[in-house]
Amino acid sequence: MPEASRSFPVEGGCDCRAVRYRMESAPLFVHCCHCRWCQRGSGAAFALNAMIEADRVTHLGVEPEVIDTPSESGAGQKIARCPRCRIAVWSNYAGSGPAVRFVRVGTLDNPDLLPPDIHIFTASKQPRVQLPADVPAVPEYYDRAAYWPAESLARRQALLQRASSP
């Protein structure tokens, strides 16, 4: 079992600690996104997001405020922010809907537990950012089947089946 899997559940939240959450299990996958939209949205060179099923994230504090924002795809995203300190704790993208949260790794109490599984949209990465040789990196997006572990693919399939059930 990978070290990170043994570390769960883990907790996180915003700066003022009003919004608190617990990730009940390891995420499906961790993206380090270097697209210009993530750079703008994070105010940094990239965004580090842990994809996890929404039902595996337990709210422990104040409910975040969900704000509709534009995205490069044109489909938009919903960003969950603390209503007090305005820190973004996760997003939901149109492609995954409300079933998958993209938790901001930096909001975890111990963000060191979730290094990136892949660097995406590296064609637009900041030139000063050096990517590690031991982590996959792709110029745009990628084929899940080529990179995700079998367990995460199975969890995603179960999620899709639940979503399509009446």
C-alpha atoms as a PDB file:
ATOM      1  CA  MET A   1       0.000   0.000   0.000  1.00  0.00           C
ATOM      2  CA  PRO A   2       1.434   3.431  -0.911  1.00  0.00           C
ATOM      3  CA  GLU A   3       2.505   5.583   2.012  1.00  0.00           C
ATOM      4  CA  ALA A   4      -0.079   8.284   1.229  1.00  0.00           C
ATOM      5  CA  SER A   5      -2.932   5.745   1.381  1.00  0.00           C
ATOM      6  CA  ARG A   6      -2.042   4.866   4.964  1.00  0.00           C
ATOM      7  CA  SER A   7      -2.158   8.547   5.981  1.00  0.00           C
ATOM      8  CA  PHE A   8      -5.882   9.044   5.484  1.00  0.00           C
ATOM      9  CA  PRO A   9      -8.189  10.540   6.602  1.00  0.00           C
ATOM     10  CA  VAL A  10      -6.595  14.006   6.547  1.00  0.00           C
ATOM     11  CA  GLU A  11      -7.999  17.423   7.369  1.00  0.00           C
ATOM     12  CA  GLY A  12      -7.702  20.857   5.877  1.00  0.00           C
ATOM     13  CA  GLY A  13      -9.392  24.208   5.606  1.00  0.00           C
ATOM     14  CA  CYS A  14      -9.081  27.912   5.064  1.00  0.00           C
ATOM     15  CA  ASP A  15      -6.806  30.454   6.763  1.00  0.00           C
ATOM     16  CA  CYS A  16      -9.337  31.626   9.362  1.00  0.00           C
ATOM     17  CA  ARG A  17     -10.305  27.984  10.103  1.00  0.00           C
ATOM     18  CA  ALA A  18     -14.028  28.642   9.612  1.00  0.00           C
ATOM     19  CA  VAL A  19     -14.198  26.199   6.670  1.00  0.00           C
ATOM     20  CA  ARG A  20     -12.801  22.831   7.690  1.00  0.00           C
ATOM     21  CA  TYR A  21     -13.025  19.520   5.848  1.00  0.00           C
ATOM     22  CA  ARG A  22     -11.730  15.966   6.046  1.00  0.00           C
ATOM     23  CA  MET A  23     -10.667  13.866   3.066  1.00  0.00           C
ATOM     24  CA  GLU A  24     -11.778  10.394   4.125  1.00  0.00           C
ATOM     25  CA  SER A  25      -9.504   8.565   1.656  1.00  0.00           C
ATOM     26  CA  ALA A  26      -6.649   9.107  -0.718  1.00  0.00           C
ATOM     27  CA  PRO A  27      -7.639  11.114  -3.797  1.00  0.00           C
ATOM     28  CA  LEU A  28      -8.176   9.621  -7.228  1.00  0.00           C
ATOM     29  CA  PHE A  29      -5.236  11.554  -8.663  1.00  0.00           C
ATOM     30  CA  VAL A  30      -3.304  14.788  -8.058  1.00  0.00           C
ATOM     31  CA  HIS A  31      -2.876  17.315 -10.878  1.00  0.00           C
ATOM     32  CA  CYS A  32      -0.316  20.055 -10.997  1.00  0.00           C
ATOM     33  CA  CYS A  33      -1.868  22.284 -13.643  1.00  0.00           C
ATOM     34  CA  HIS A  34       0.261  24.862 -15.419  1.00  0.00           C
ATOM     35  CA  CYS A  35      -2.461  26.353 -17.659  1.00  0.00           C
ATOM     36  CA  ARG A  36      -2.755  30.141 -17.740  1.00  0.00           C
ATOM     37  CA  TRP A  37      -6.228  29.991 -16.143  1.00  0.00           C
ATOM     38  CA  CYS A  38      -4.858  28.124 -13.110  1.00  0.00           C
ATOM     39  CA  GLN A  39      -1.928  30.524 -12.930  1.00  0.00           C
ATOM     40  CA  ARG A  40      -4.331  33.464 -12.866  1.00  0.00           C
ATOM     41  CA  GLY A  41      -6.754  31.800 -10.463  1.00  0.00           C
ATOM     42  CA  SER A  42      -4.075  30.786  -7.983  1.00  0.00           C
ATOM     43  CA  GLY A  43      -1.881  33.847  -8.407  1.00  0.00           C
ATOM     44  CA  ALA A  44       1.038  31.427  -8.701  1.00  0.00           C
ATOM     45  CA  ALA A  45       2.876  29.419 -11.353  1.00  0.00           C
ATOM     46  CA  PHE A  46       0.450  26.480 -11.100  1.00  0.00           C
ATOM     47  CA  ALA A  47      -2.469  24.977  -9.187  1.00  0.00           C
ATOM     48  CA  LEU A  48      -2.135  21.710  -7.250  1.00  0.00           C
ATOM     49  CA  ASN A  49      -5.478  19.888  -7.032  1.00  0.00           C
ATOM     50  CA  ALA A  50      -6.368  16.513  -5.529  1.00  0.00           C
ATOM     51  CA  MET A  51      -9.322  14.959  -7.360  1.00  0.00           C
ATOM     52  CA  ILE A  52     -11.627  13.085  -4.978  1.00  0.00           C
ATOM     53  CA  GLU A  53     -15.228  11.955  -4.875  1.00  0.00           C
ATOM     54  CA  ALA A  54     -17.387  14.621  -3.195  1.00  0.00           C
ATOM     55  CA  ASP A  55     -18.904  12.029  -0.857  1.00  0.00           C
ATOM     56  CA  ARG A  56     -15.406  11.336   0.507  1.00  0.00           C
ATOM     57  CA  VAL A  57     -15.051  14.943   1.702  1.00  0.00           C
ATOM     58  CA  THR A  58     -16.692  15.584   5.065  1.00  0.00           C
ATOM     59  CA  HIS A  59     -17.563  19.150   6.092  1.00  0.00           C
ATOM     60  CA  LEU A  60     -16.352  19.945   9.607  1.00  0.00           C
ATOM     61  CA  GLY A  61     -16.991  23.682   9.810  1.00  0.00           C
ATOM     62  CA  VAL A  62     -18.825  26.482   8.068  1.00  0.00           C
ATOM     63  CA  GLU A  63     -20.165  25.672   4.604  1.00  0.00           C
ATOM     64  CA  PRO A  64     -18.059  27.266   1.892  1.00  0.00           C
ATOM     65  CA  GLU A  65     -19.602  29.764  -0.473  1.00  0.00           C
ATOM     66  CA  VAL A  66     -19.711  28.407  -4.031  1.00  0.00           C
ATOM     67  CA  ILE A  67     -18.896  30.950  -6.714  1.00  0.00           C
ATOM     68  CA  ASP A  68     -19.406  30.399 -10.459  1.00  0.00           C
ATOM     69  CA  THR A  69     -16.328  31.450 -12.382  1.00  0.00           C
ATOM     70  CA  PRO A  70     -15.305  31.244 -16.041  1.00  0.00           C
ATOM     71  CA  SER A  71     -12.884  28.644 -17.363  1.00  0.00           C
ATOM     72  CA  GLU A  72     -10.900  28.249 -20.547  1.00  0.00           C
ATOM     73  CA  SER A  73     -13.266  25.523 -21.761  1.00  0.00           C
ATOM     74  CA  GLY A  74     -16.170  27.958 -21.561  1.00  0.00           C
ATOM     75  CA  ALA A  75     -18.082  25.524 -19.308  1.00  0.00           C
ATOM     76  CA  GLY A  76     -17.018  27.313 -16.120  1.00  0.00           C
ATOM     77  CA  GLN A  77     -16.149  26.033 -12.704  1.00  0.00           C
ATOM     78  CA  LYS A  78     -17.587  26.394  -9.242  1.00  0.00           C
ATOM     79  CA  ILE A  79     -15.037  27.472  -6.644  1.00  0.00           C
ATOM     80  CA  ALA A  80     -15.802  26.799  -2.975  1.00  0.00           C
ATOM     81  CA  ARG A  81     -14.435  29.659  -0.848  1.00  0.00           C
ATOM     82  CA  CYS A  82     -14.568  30.524   2.791  1.00  0.00           C
ATOM     83  CA  PRO A  83     -17.251  33.187   3.252  1.00  0.00           C
ATOM     84  CA  ARG A  84     -14.999  34.967   5.784  1.00  0.00           C
ATOM     85  CA  CYS A  85     -11.383  34.868   4.558  1.00  0.00           C
ATOM     86  CA  ARG A  86     -12.239  34.049   0.894  1.00  0.00           C
ATOM     87  CA  ILE A  87      -9.643  31.239   0.565  1.00  0.00           C
ATOM     88  CA  ALA A  88     -10.526  28.710  -2.166  1.00  0.00           C
ATOM     89  CA  VAL A  89     -10.662  25.182  -0.736  1.00  0.00           C
ATOM     90  CA  TRP A  90     -11.875  23.217  -3.772  1.00  0.00           C
ATOM     91  CA  SER A  91     -13.443  23.481  -7.210  1.00  0.00           C
ATOM     92  CA  ASN A  92     -15.986  21.541  -9.206  1.00  0.00           C
ATOM     93  CA  TYR A  93     -15.486  21.569 -12.962  1.00  0.00           C
ATOM     94  CA  ALA A  94     -18.296  21.165 -15.476  1.00  0.00           C
ATOM     95  CA  GLY A  95     -16.830  17.923 -16.867  1.00  0.00           C
ATOM     96  CA  SER A  96     -17.016  16.163 -13.494  1.00  0.00           C
ATOM     97  CA  GLY A  97     -19.944  18.074 -12.065  1.00  0.00           C
ATOM     98  CA  PRO A  98     -20.636  18.071  -8.331  1.00  0.00           C
ATOM     99  CA  ALA A  99     -19.522  14.440  -7.894  1.00  0.00           C
ATOM    100  CA  VAL A 100     -15.770  15.191  -7.965  1.00  0.00           C
ATOM    101  CA  ARG A 101     -13.982  17.862  -5.978  1.00  0.00           C
ATOM    102  CA  PHE A 102     -10.636  19.282  -6.969  1.00  0.00           C
ATOM    103  CA  VAL A 103      -9.323  19.972  -3.453  1.00  0.00           C
ATOM    104  CA  ARG A 104      -6.625  22.634  -3.252  1.00  0.00           C
ATOM    105  CA  VAL A 105      -3.717  20.654  -1.829  1.00  0.00           C
ATOM    106  CA  GLY A 106      -2.291  23.766  -0.192  1.00  0.00           C
ATOM    107  CA  THR A 107      -5.354  23.941   2.089  1.00  0.00           C
ATOM    108  CA  LEU A 108      -4.536  20.587   3.707  1.00  0.00           C
ATOM    109  CA  ASP A 109      -3.059  20.732   7.197  1.00  0.00           C
ATOM    110  CA  ASN A 110      -0.227  18.587   5.798  1.00  0.00           C
ATOM    111  CA  PRO A 111       0.012  19.327   2.063  1.00  0.00           C
ATOM    112  CA  ASP A 112       3.275  17.373   1.841  1.00  0.00           C
ATOM    113  CA  LEU A 113       1.188  14.170   1.781  1.00  0.00           C
ATOM    114  CA  LEU A 114      -0.042  14.839  -1.765  1.00  0.00           C
ATOM    115  CA  PRO A 115       2.704  15.550  -4.275  1.00  0.00           C
ATOM    116  CA  PRO A 116       1.580  15.762  -7.909  1.00  0.00           C
ATOM    117  CA  ASP A 117       0.944  12.549  -9.825  1.00  0.00           C
ATOM    118  CA  ILE A 118       1.227  14.447 -13.107  1.00  0.00           C
ATOM    119  CA  HIS A 119       2.041  17.905 -14.457  1.00  0.00           C
ATOM    120  CA  ILE A 120      -0.517  19.035 -17.041  1.00  0.00           C
ATOM    121  CA  PHE A 121      -0.692  21.885 -19.551  1.00  0.00           C
ATOM    122  CA  THR A 122       3.074  22.245 -19.356  1.00  0.00           C
ATOM    123  CA  ALA A 123       3.096  23.933 -22.773  1.00  0.00           C
ATOM    124  CA  SER A 124       2.111  27.101 -20.893  1.00  0.00           C
ATOM    125  CA  LYS A 125       4.152  26.591 -17.728  1.00  0.00           C
ATOM    126  CA  GLN A 126       6.272  29.436 -16.443  1.00  0.00           C
ATOM    127  CA  PRO A 127       9.807  29.060 -17.840  1.00  0.00           C
ATOM    128  CA  ARG A 128      11.382  29.387 -14.388  1.00  0.00           C
ATOM    129  CA  VAL A 129       9.532  26.299 -13.118  1.00  0.00           C
ATOM    130  CA  GLN A 130      11.675  23.165 -13.279  1.00  0.00           C
ATOM    131  CA  LEU A 131       9.702  19.924 -13.478  1.00  0.00           C
ATOM    132  CA  PRO A 132      10.986  16.813 -11.708  1.00  0.00           C
ATOM    133  CA  ALA A 133      12.139  14.039 -14.024  1.00  0.00           C
ATOM    134  CA  ASP A 134      10.363  11.334 -11.998  1.00  0.00           C
ATOM    135  CA  VAL A 135       6.813  12.765 -12.382  1.00  0.00           C
ATOM    136  CA  PRO A 136       4.929  12.502 -15.698  1.00  0.00           C
ATOM    137  CA  ALA A 137       4.438  15.778 -17.552  1.00  0.00           C
ATOM    138  CA  VAL A 138       2.251  16.416 -20.594  1.00  0.00           C
ATOM    139  CA  PRO A 139       1.877  19.507 -22.784  1.00  0.00           C
ATOM    140  CA  GLU A 140      -1.944  19.554 -22.559  1.00  0.00           C
ATOM    141  CA  TYR A 141      -4.288  17.007 -20.951  1.00  0.00           C
ATOM    142  CA  TYR A 142      -3.843  13.218 -20.951  1.00  0.00           C
ATOM    143  CA  ASP A 143      -5.474   9.808 -21.272  1.00  0.00           C
ATOM    144  CA  ARG A 144      -6.547   8.649 -17.782  1.00  0.00           C
ATOM    145  CA  ALA A 145      -6.022   4.989 -18.651  1.00  0.00           C
ATOM    146  CA  ALA A 146      -2.369   5.696 -19.374  1.00  0.00           C
ATOM    147  CA  TYR A 147      -1.611   7.380 -16.027  1.00  0.00           C
ATOM    148  CA  TRP A 148      -4.168   6.641 -13.325  1.00  0.00           C
ATOM    149  CA  PRO A 149      -3.698   3.635 -11.043  1.00  0.00           C
ATOM    150  CA  ALA A 150      -6.175   0.778 -11.522  1.00  0.00           C
ATOM    151  CA  GLU A 151      -7.835   1.486  -8.156  1.00  0.00           C
ATOM    152  CA  SER A 152      -8.559   5.098  -9.132  1.00  0.00           C
ATOM    153  CA  LEU A 153      -9.940   4.044 -12.510  1.00  0.00           C
ATOM    154  CA  ALA A 154     -12.253   1.577 -10.732  1.00  0.00           C
ATOM    155  CA  ARG A 155     -13.414   4.267  -8.295  1.00  0.00           C
ATOM    156  CA  ARG A 156     -14.120   6.603 -11.223  1.00  0.00           C
ATOM    157  CA  GLN A 157     -16.090   3.888 -13.005  1.00  0.00           C
ATOM    158  CA  ALA A 158     -18.164   3.272  -9.859  1.00  0.00           C
ATOM    159  CA  LEU A 159     -18.804   7.009  -9.605  1.00  0.00           C
ATOM    160  CA  LEU A 160     -19.982   7.151 -13.229  1.00  0.00           C
ATOM    161  CA  GLN A 161     -22.267   4.161 -12.674  1.00  0.00           C
ATOM    162  CA  ARG A 162     -23.829   5.778  -9.590  1.00  0.00           C
ATOM    163  CA  ALA A 163     -24.357   8.996 -11.541  1.00  0.00           C
ATOM    164  CA  SER A 164     -26.149   7.209 -14.359  1.00  0.00           C
ATOM    165  CA  SER A 165     -28.399   5.113 -12.093  1.00  0.00           C
ATOM    166  CA  PRO A 166     -32.025   6.262 -11.762  1.00  0.00           C
END
